Amino acid sequence: MAVYFECVTITDMPRQELFEKSLSIDAHTGSMAGSGEQAVGGVTSGQIGLGEQVTWRAKHFGIPLRMTSEISELKEPSAFTDQQLRGPFKKFHHVHEFHAADAGTIMVDRIQFEAPLGPLGWLAERLVLSWYMPRLIRMRNAFLVNTSAL
């Protein structure tokens, strides 16, 4: 059974600017500096687009991981979806939505993932990943809305 969660971020940043920043490989790398995340394959800098892939290398919980994801849907400036093609999850699907608001943008992240390894994965989802993954997304979003353009 997969884990699903949403993160809502409200900012005064214009929707188009936040949309573009969210597709920036460089902004993602900056937001994940704590895990040493680096783009090592596919699109490794600048903005990623529809049908393009990126391979990330990072360390979480002291474990080196690689994940290749693809932008599978893109509706500028309102939404895009990235999903894992290869990596540590059995399934990882992330929808990014950007809604214009009176004074800026409401960004909604809808994430669904499933750990591998059957019952052990289920246990990892419930004990660790269900709090760790939302925390990562909140950190990423705080970086996006609190740093100047990259």
Foldseek 3Di string as FASTA:
>chain_A
DKDKDKDKDDALAALQQLQQLVQFLVLQCVLVVVFNKAFDDWDGGHGADAQTKTWIWTADPNRIWIWIKGFPDDDPRAKTKIWTPDIQFPTKIWIWGWDQDPRHIMIMIIIITFGDDPPVRVVCVVPPVVPVVVVSVVSSVCSSRPDPRD
